[in-house]
């Protein structure tokens, strides 16, 4: 049997969708509530969940472990209330629960699964790899109060019994909405995360995992000067780090060194050299490509953006950036094709329409260019009126006959 274990607080808006995604998959649902003031508890109970209440103590691992304490299944699936399990992965979990092998690995040798999660709303690095399915064993528990993980206890069990295997599923297993920037701002996650991690690191100053996570938070909030010492400290322990942590440390240090291109390039190269799933490298390919383009090395930029597209053909920003690099080196037809690919993936991509209009204009395809400009302005007016006004004004300086501009609604 599979036990679903969750910790929640004020998740009434999304919890039902999460629970629906595991219907027919889990045999029991354990929900630990940390102080909801909405209908979260009622929704969970209506779906048959066993609900337990605990006081919040600024420690996600402690709350997770409380949920494990109440589980009775052979396996544990851990989800947040803003995540859904995808159907194909559900079938993999059920097969494993029935004792069927996973590829060439016998079910009895599988200790845990690493699941690939798609961060909806994260445009550049939308994938994360997390250990969210594992055997319910007394020695498997969560550690660290933020960015909590069972990885340390899983690794300890593997060291004791080498037959245990941790399998990484290459296909997306979970969809996650919690990293939508509007949700992050609304819920104050940045401030909460910083406070908890800083307190933990004061007592555990060489925890490379949390050094990396706190540094990433600083980078994301434009505090590179605070991030760099943490990244350097973690990388001084590089021989003891797993490949994914090495990738993230080099990637975050490259971002922190954005004002020092040569140093950033070295870290991007080190990040991309790590043997991890290609989709986890998207951020490095895209940002390194942008660095190369800024340096005028358009050939290298094109190659890096194409590698990102090969890893994930559905990533609109990779196609858009490829278009900008192709345009920069004078390959307008290729740029147009890339912009159109970006628009096909994201029909509301205002910058892609704008750049498409410019490329079409340069090729003398005026009607198509005006259509692209029209669409770009309409999209910008909804999200950035100042840019819409600036673009409209810029179009009037292109030498296009006023009658055509009027007909297109651009004057």
Protein backbone atom coordinates (compact mmCIF):
# COMPACT_ATOMS: atom_id res chain seq x y z
CA UNK A 1 0.00 0.00 0.00
CA UNK A 2 1.06 3.57 -0.71
CA UNK A 3 0.56 6.26 1.94
CA UNK A 4 0.20 9.86 0.81
CA UNK A 5 1.80 12.18 3.37
CA UNK A 6 1.17 15.92 3.29
CA UNK A 7 1.66 18.98 5.46
CA UNK A 8 -0.74 21.85 4.82
CA UNK A 9 -1.83 25.29 5.90
CA UNK A 10 -4.60 27.31 4.21
CA UNK A 11 -4.57 25.22 1.04
CA UNK A 12 -8.32 25.18 0.34
CA UNK A 13 -7.84 26.64 -3.14
CA UNK A 14 -5.69 23.79 -4.43
CA UNK A 15 -5.94 20.78 -2.12
CA UNK A 16 -8.86 19.08 -3.87
CA UNK A 17 -6.95 18.98 -7.16
CA UNK A 18 -3.95 17.39 -5.47
CA UNK A 19 -6.07 14.73 -3.80
CA UNK A 20 -7.92 14.01 -7.04
CA UNK A 21 -4.60 13.28 -8.76
CA UNK A 22 -3.89 10.36 -6.40
CA UNK A 23 -7.32 8.74 -6.38
CA UNK A 24 -6.91 5.02 -6.96
CA UNK A 25 -3.17 5.30 -6.29
CA UNK A 26 -2.83 5.70 -2.53
CA UNK A 27 -4.40 3.51 0.12
CA UNK A 28 -4.41 6.18 2.80
CA UNK A 29 -3.92 9.93 3.03
CA UNK A 30 -2.17 11.48 6.02
CA UNK A 31 -2.57 15.25 6.34
CA UNK A 32 -0.74 17.24 9.01
CA UNK A 33 -2.29 20.68 9.36
CA UNK A 34 -0.15 23.44 10.83
CA UNK A 35 -2.88 25.97 11.56
CA UNK A 36 -5.27 26.45 8.65
CA UNK A 37 -7.92 29.13 8.96
CA UNK A 38 -9.80 28.19 5.80
CA UNK A 39 -11.60 25.02 4.68
CA UNK A 40 -8.43 22.95 4.22
CA UNK A 41 -9.19 20.48 7.01
CA UNK A 42 -12.80 20.01 5.92
CA UNK A 43 -11.74 19.36 2.32
CA UNK A 44 -9.15 16.81 3.43
CA UNK A 45 -11.59 14.97 5.68
CA UNK A 46 -14.26 14.97 2.97
CA UNK A 47 -11.78 13.09 0.77
CA UNK A 48 -11.17 10.49 3.48
CA UNK A 49 -7.88 11.84 4.80
CA UNK A 50 -6.68 11.28 8.34
CA UNK A 51 -6.00 14.79 9.62
CA UNK A 52 -3.64 15.64 12.48
CA UNK A 53 -2.96 19.12 13.83
CA UNK A 54 0.41 20.38 15.05
CA UNK A 55 1.75 23.74 16.14
CA UNK A 56 4.06 25.29 13.56
CA UNK A 57 7.65 25.52 14.80
CA UNK A 58 9.44 26.95 11.73
CA UNK A 59 10.63 23.46 10.84
CA UNK A 60 9.34 21.75 7.71
CA UNK A 61 11.28 18.55 8.42
CA UNK A 62 9.63 18.17 11.82
CA UNK A 63 6.18 18.56 10.29
CA UNK A 64 7.00 16.10 7.50
CA UNK A 65 8.26 13.56 10.02
CA UNK A 66 5.03 13.91 11.98
CA UNK A 67 3.15 12.86 8.85
CA UNK A 68 5.47 9.86 8.41
CA UNK A 69 4.79 8.84 12.00
CA UNK A 70 1.12 8.25 11.20
CA UNK A 71 1.64 6.40 7.90
CA UNK A 72 1.07 2.65 7.71
CA UNK A 73 1.76 1.85 4.05
CA UNK A 74 4.72 0.03 2.52
CA UNK A 75 5.58 3.12 0.47
CA UNK A 76 5.30 6.85 1.10
CA UNK A 77 4.38 9.44 -1.51
CA UNK A 78 4.98 13.02 -0.39
CA UNK A 79 3.10 15.85 -2.08
CA UNK A 80 2.49 19.51 -1.37
CA UNK A 81 -1.01 20.89 -1.76
CA UNK A 82 0.06 22.83 -4.87
CA UNK A 83 1.33 19.72 -6.67
CA UNK A 84 -0.41 17.09 -8.77
CA UNK A 85 0.79 13.60 -9.62
CA UNK A 86 0.72 12.89 -13.35
CA UNK A 87 -1.13 9.74 -14.53
CA UNK A 88 1.85 8.04 -16.19
CA UNK A 89 3.88 8.26 -12.99
CA UNK A 90 0.92 7.03 -10.97
CA UNK A 91 1.03 3.81 -12.98
CA UNK A 92 4.76 3.42 -12.27
CA UNK A 93 4.16 3.78 -8.54
CA UNK A 94 1.30 1.28 -8.58
CA UNK A 95 3.40 -1.26 -10.49
CA UNK A 96 6.21 -0.90 -7.97
CA UNK A 97 3.73 -1.31 -5.12
CA UNK A 98 2.56 -4.56 -6.75
CA UNK A 99 6.14 -5.83 -6.71
CA UNK A 100 6.85 -5.41 -10.41
CA UNK A 101 10.42 -4.55 -11.44
CA UNK A 102 11.33 -1.03 -12.48
CA UNK A 103 13.26 -1.53 -15.69
CA UNK A 104 15.99 -4.02 -14.84
CA UNK A 105 15.82 -3.31 -11.09
CA UNK A 106 13.85 -5.73 -8.92
CA UNK A 107 11.15 -4.08 -6.84
CA UNK A 108 12.68 -5.38 -3.62
CA UNK A 109 15.89 -3.48 -4.38
CA UNK A 110 14.20 -0.10 -4.93
CA UNK A 111 14.58 2.17 -1.93
CA UNK A 112 13.36 5.47 -3.36
CA UNK A 113 12.46 7.32 -6.54
CA UNK A 114 13.67 10.73 -7.65
CA UNK A 115 10.76 12.51 -9.32
CA UNK A 116 11.05 15.25 -11.93
CA UNK A 117 8.82 18.20 -11.09
CA UNK A 118 7.74 20.86 -13.57
CA UNK A 119 7.57 24.28 -11.95
CA UNK A 120 4.65 25.96 -13.69
CA UNK A 121 5.40 29.65 -14.11
CA UNK A 122 9.20 29.29 -13.99
CA UNK A 123 10.29 30.30 -17.52
CA UNK A 124 14.04 29.56 -17.54
CA UNK A 125 14.72 26.64 -15.20
CA UNK A 126 11.34 24.95 -14.83
CA UNK A 127 12.46 21.51 -13.64
CA UNK A 128 13.56 20.24 -10.24
CA UNK A 129 14.46 16.73 -9.09
CA UNK A 130 13.16 15.64 -5.70
CA UNK A 131 12.96 12.41 -3.69
CA UNK A 132 9.25 12.10 -3.02
CA UNK A 133 8.55 8.35 -3.16
CA UNK A 134 10.32 5.96 -0.81
CA UNK A 135 9.88 2.91 1.37
CA UNK A 136 8.34 3.52 4.77
CA UNK A 137 11.25 2.52 6.97
CA UNK A 138 12.10 3.72 10.48
CA UNK A 139 15.46 5.05 9.32
CA UNK A 140 14.05 7.24 6.54
CA UNK A 141 13.15 10.69 7.77
CA UNK A 142 13.39 14.30 6.72
CA UNK A 143 16.18 16.63 7.79
CA UNK A 144 16.72 20.41 7.62
CA UNK A 145 14.02 22.91 8.58
CA UNK A 146 13.68 24.33 5.06
CA UNK A 147 14.22 22.61 1.71
CA UNK A 148 13.71 19.50 3.80
CA UNK A 149 14.80 16.22 2.26
CA UNK A 150 15.09 12.52 3.01
CA UNK A 151 18.25 12.26 0.92
CA UNK A 152 20.67 12.08 3.85
CA UNK A 153 18.85 9.18 5.50
CA UNK A 154 18.41 7.40 2.17
CA UNK A 155 22.15 7.70 1.48
CA UNK A 156 22.93 6.33 4.94
CA UNK A 157 20.79 3.26 4.28
CA UNK A 158 22.49 2.71 0.93
CA UNK A 159 25.87 2.84 2.62
CA UNK A 160 24.75 0.13 5.04
CA UNK A 161 23.10 -2.08 2.41
CA UNK A 162 24.47 -1.50 -1.11
CA UNK A 163 21.68 -3.48 -2.78
CA UNK A 164 19.33 -0.54 -2.19
CA UNK A 165 18.87 1.58 -5.30
CA UNK A 166 17.49 5.07 -5.85
CA UNK A 167 15.96 5.37 -9.31
CA UNK A 168 15.51 8.63 -11.19
CA UNK A 169 12.41 8.78 -13.39
CA UNK A 170 13.32 10.75 -16.50
CA UNK A 171 9.82 11.93 -17.39
CA UNK A 172 7.92 14.67 -15.59
CA UNK A 173 6.12 13.18 -12.60
CA UNK A 174 4.68 16.23 -10.84
CA UNK A 175 3.25 19.60 -11.76
CA UNK A 176 3.90 22.36 -9.23
CA UNK A 177 2.24 25.79 -9.09
CA UNK A 178 3.91 27.07 -5.93
CA UNK A 179 6.76 28.76 -7.79
CA UNK A 180 4.48 31.10 -9.71
CA UNK A 181 6.11 34.48 -8.86
CA UNK A 182 2.77 35.98 -7.82
CA UNK A 183 2.22 33.13 -5.35
CA UNK A 184 5.71 33.54 -3.92
CA UNK A 185 5.21 37.26 -3.34
CA UNK A 186 1.73 36.79 -1.95
CA UNK A 187 2.79 34.24 0.64
CA UNK A 188 6.01 35.88 1.71
CA UNK A 189 8.03 32.75 0.98
CA UNK A 190 11.26 34.66 0.43
CA UNK A 191 11.35 36.18 3.91
CA UNK A 192 10.28 32.95 5.59
CA UNK A 193 12.89 30.91 3.75
CA UNK A 194 15.73 33.30 4.51
CA UNK A 195 14.93 33.46 8.22
CA UNK A 196 14.72 29.69 8.66
CA UNK A 197 17.83 28.88 6.62
CA UNK A 198 19.98 31.57 8.23
CA UNK A 199 19.09 30.25 11.68
CA UNK A 200 19.94 26.67 10.69
CA UNK A 201 23.25 27.63 9.09
CA UNK A 202 24.26 29.52 12.20
CA UNK A 203 24.39 26.11 13.90
CA UNK A 204 25.49 24.11 10.81
CA UNK A 205 27.79 26.49 8.91
CA UNK A 206 29.15 23.89 6.47
CA UNK A 207 25.89 22.30 5.33
CA UNK A 208 26.55 22.54 1.59
CA UNK A 209 22.95 21.74 0.66
CA UNK A 210 21.48 24.67 2.58
CA UNK A 211 24.40 26.94 1.70
CA UNK A 212 23.39 26.36 -1.90
CA UNK A 213 19.68 26.97 -1.25
CA UNK A 214 20.22 30.15 0.75
CA UNK A 215 22.67 31.44 -1.85
CA UNK A 216 20.08 30.77 -4.55
CA UNK A 217 17.57 32.82 -2.59
CA UNK A 218 20.04 35.71 -2.35
CA UNK A 219 20.78 35.52 -6.08
CA UNK A 220 17.08 35.53 -6.89
CA UNK A 221 16.62 38.65 -4.76
CA UNK A 222 19.60 40.46 -6.38
CA UNK A 223 21.93 40.09 -3.40
CA UNK A 224 24.93 38.55 -5.14
CA UNK A 225 27.34 39.94 -2.56
CA UNK A 226 25.59 37.87 0.11
CA UNK A 227 25.42 34.77 -2.08
CA UNK A 228 29.06 34.49 -3.17
CA UNK A 229 30.66 33.66 0.21
CA UNK A 230 28.08 30.92 0.75
CA UNK A 231 28.68 29.43 -2.69
CA UNK A 232 32.45 29.53 -2.25
CA UNK A 233 32.17 27.83 1.14
CA UNK A 234 30.00 25.05 -0.27
CA UNK A 235 32.22 24.52 -3.32
CA UNK A 236 35.25 24.15 -1.07
CA UNK A 237 33.68 20.77 -0.19
CA UNK A 238 33.17 19.84 -3.84
CA UNK A 239 34.52 16.29 -3.56
CA UNK A 240 31.77 15.32 -1.13
CA UNK A 241 28.92 16.80 -3.18
CA UNK A 242 26.50 14.98 -5.45
CA UNK A 243 26.31 15.96 -9.11
CA UNK A 244 23.07 17.92 -8.85
CA UNK A 245 24.32 20.03 -5.95
CA UNK A 246 27.55 20.71 -7.86
CA UNK A 247 25.52 21.82 -10.85
CA UNK A 248 23.36 24.15 -8.77
CA UNK A 249 26.33 25.66 -6.93
CA UNK A 250 28.21 26.45 -10.15
CA UNK A 251 25.03 27.70 -11.81
CA UNK A 252 24.16 30.01 -8.93
CA UNK A 253 27.75 31.27 -8.71
CA UNK A 254 27.66 32.03 -12.43
CA UNK A 255 24.51 34.09 -11.91
CA UNK A 256 26.09 35.86 -8.95
CA UNK A 257 29.11 36.69 -11.15
CA UNK A 258 26.95 38.25 -13.87
CA UNK A 259 29.10 41.40 -13.72
CA UNK A 260 32.28 39.30 -14.27
CA UNK A 261 31.62 37.43 -17.55
CA UNK A 262 34.81 35.36 -17.57
CA UNK A 263 34.21 34.05 -14.07
CA UNK A 264 30.58 33.38 -14.90
CA UNK A 265 31.57 31.48 -18.05
CA UNK A 266 33.83 29.16 -16.07
CA UNK A 267 31.02 28.31 -13.69
CA UNK A 268 28.51 27.77 -16.51
CA UNK A 269 30.96 25.34 -18.13
CA UNK A 270 31.47 23.51 -14.83
CA UNK A 271 27.71 23.31 -14.32
CA UNK A 272 27.06 21.94 -17.80
CA UNK A 273 29.77 19.30 -17.34
CA UNK A 274 27.80 17.62 -14.54
CA UNK A 275 26.20 14.25 -15.47
CA UNK A 276 22.59 15.11 -14.61
CA UNK A 277 19.32 15.00 -16.56
CA UNK A 278 19.56 17.41 -19.51
CA UNK A 279 16.34 19.21 -18.57
CA UNK A 280 17.91 20.18 -15.26
CA UNK A 281 20.60 22.10 -17.17
CA UNK A 282 18.23 24.45 -19.01
CA UNK A 283 19.02 27.46 -16.85
CA UNK A 284 22.75 27.15 -17.53
CA UNK A 285 22.33 26.72 -21.29
CA UNK A 286 20.01 29.70 -21.56
CA UNK A 287 21.99 32.06 -19.34
CA UNK A 288 25.35 31.03 -20.78
CA UNK A 289 23.93 31.52 -24.25
CA UNK A 290 22.79 35.02 -23.29
CA UNK A 291 26.28 35.76 -21.95
CA UNK A 292 27.88 34.59 -25.20
CA UNK A 293 25.45 36.68 -27.23
CA UNK A 294 26.27 39.76 -25.14
CA UNK A 295 29.97 39.13 -25.87
CA UNK A 296 29.27 38.98 -29.61
CA UNK A 297 29.96 35.25 -29.89
CA UNK A 298 26.75 34.54 -31.77
CA UNK A 299 27.80 31.10 -33.02
CA UNK A 300 28.36 29.87 -29.47
CA UNK A 301 25.08 31.45 -28.36
CA UNK A 302 23.16 29.68 -31.12
CA UNK A 303 24.75 26.36 -30.16
CA UNK A 304 23.86 26.78 -26.48
CA UNK A 305 20.26 27.75 -27.21
CA UNK A 306 19.93 24.81 -29.59
CA UNK A 307 21.17 22.47 -26.85
CA UNK A 308 18.48 23.86 -24.55
CA UNK A 309 15.84 23.24 -27.21
CA UNK A 310 17.09 19.69 -27.73
CA UNK A 311 16.68 19.07 -23.99
CA UNK A 312 13.19 20.60 -23.91
CA UNK A 313 11.57 21.55 -27.24
CA UNK A 314 8.59 23.05 -25.35
CA UNK A 315 10.56 25.85 -23.66
CA UNK A 316 9.44 29.06 -25.36
CA UNK A 317 12.25 31.24 -24.03
CA UNK A 318 14.87 28.98 -25.59
CA UNK A 319 13.32 29.45 -29.04
CA UNK A 320 13.02 33.20 -28.45
CA UNK A 321 16.66 33.51 -27.40
CA UNK A 322 17.70 31.44 -30.40
CA UNK A 323 15.83 33.93 -32.55
CA UNK A 324 17.67 36.88 -31.03
CA UNK A 325 21.03 35.19 -31.63
CA UNK A 326 20.15 34.30 -35.23
CA UNK A 327 19.02 37.86 -35.87
CA UNK A 328 22.24 39.22 -34.33
CA UNK A 329 24.35 37.24 -36.79
CA UNK A 330 22.14 38.25 -39.73
CA UNK A 331 20.19 35.03 -40.21
CA UNK A 332 16.76 36.63 -40.43
CA UNK A 333 14.87 33.66 -41.88
CA UNK A 334 16.16 31.44 -39.08
CA UNK A 335 15.31 34.15 -36.54
CA UNK A 336 11.74 34.37 -37.85
CA UNK A 337 11.34 30.60 -37.60
CA UNK A 338 12.58 30.65 -34.00
CA UNK A 339 10.28 33.52 -33.01
CA UNK A 340 7.32 31.72 -34.54
CA UNK A 341 8.21 28.58 -32.60
CA UNK A 342 8.26 30.62 -29.39
CA UNK A 343 4.86 32.12 -30.21
CA UNK A 344 3.39 28.70 -31.01
CA UNK A 345 4.44 27.56 -27.54
CA UNK A 346 3.37 30.80 -25.82
CA UNK A 347 0.77 32.77 -27.79
CA UNK A 348 1.03 35.66 -25.30
CA UNK A 349 4.77 36.18 -25.77
CA UNK A 350 4.81 39.92 -26.46
CA UNK A 351 8.57 40.21 -26.95
CA UNK A 352 8.51 37.39 -29.50
CA UNK A 353 5.87 39.21 -31.55
CA UNK A 354 7.88 42.43 -31.32
CA UNK A 355 11.09 40.79 -32.49
CA UNK A 356 9.22 38.90 -35.18
CA UNK A 357 7.88 42.21 -36.45
CA UNK A 358 11.36 43.70 -36.62
CA UNK A 359 12.78 40.71 -38.53
CA UNK A 360 9.87 40.69 -40.99
CA UNK A 361 10.26 44.44 -41.51
CA UNK A 362 13.95 44.03 -42.30
CA UNK A 363 13.04 41.45 -44.96
CA UNK A 364 10.49 43.82 -46.49
CA UNK A 365 7.49 41.74 -45.44
CA UNK A 366 5.54 44.80 -44.33
CA UNK A 367 1.97 43.43 -43.91
CA UNK A 368 3.20 40.53 -41.79
CA UNK A 369 5.45 42.86 -39.79
CA UNK A 370 2.56 45.20 -39.02
CA UNK A 371 0.43 42.26 -37.87
CA UNK A 372 3.20 41.16 -35.51
CA UNK A 373 3.61 44.70 -34.16
CA UNK A 374 -0.16 44.95 -33.64
CA UNK A 375 -0.18 41.79 -31.57
CA UNK A 376 2.88 42.84 -29.56
CA UNK A 377 1.32 46.20 -28.67
CA UNK A 378 -1.99 44.58 -27.69
CA UNK A 379 -0.19 42.18 -25.36
CA UNK A 380 2.05 44.88 -23.88
CA UNK A 381 -0.95 47.14 -23.21
CA UNK A 382 -2.32 44.48 -20.89
CA UNK A 383 0.91 43.93 -18.93
CA UNK A 384 3.21 46.92 -19.56
CA UNK A 385 1.48 50.01 -21.02
CA UNK A 386 4.69 52.04 -21.01
CA UNK A 387 6.43 49.52 -23.28
CA UNK A 388 3.36 49.43 -25.52
CA UNK A 389 3.49 53.21 -25.90
CA UNK A 390 7.24 53.17 -26.56
CA UNK A 391 6.89 50.45 -29.20
CA UNK A 392 4.05 52.30 -30.90
CA UNK A 393 6.16 55.45 -31.02
CA UNK A 394 9.19 53.53 -32.31
CA UNK A 395 7.19 52.02 -35.17
CA UNK A 396 6.25 55.50 -36.40
CA UNK A 397 9.98 56.21 -36.89
CA UNK A 398 10.56 53.25 -39.21
CA UNK A 399 9.57 55.17 -42.33
CA UNK A 400 6.37 53.20 -42.89
CA UNK A 401 3.78 55.20 -44.87
CA UNK A 402 1.35 56.90 -42.43
CA UNK A 403 -1.66 55.49 -44.29
CA UNK A 404 -0.48 51.94 -43.62
CA UNK A 405 0.14 52.72 -39.97
CA UNK A 406 -3.33 54.18 -39.66
CA UNK A 407 -4.91 51.17 -41.35
CA UNK A 408 -3.04 48.89 -38.95
CA UNK A 409 -4.15 50.92 -35.94
CA UNK A 410 -0.55 51.81 -35.10
CA UNK A 411 -0.85 55.58 -35.35
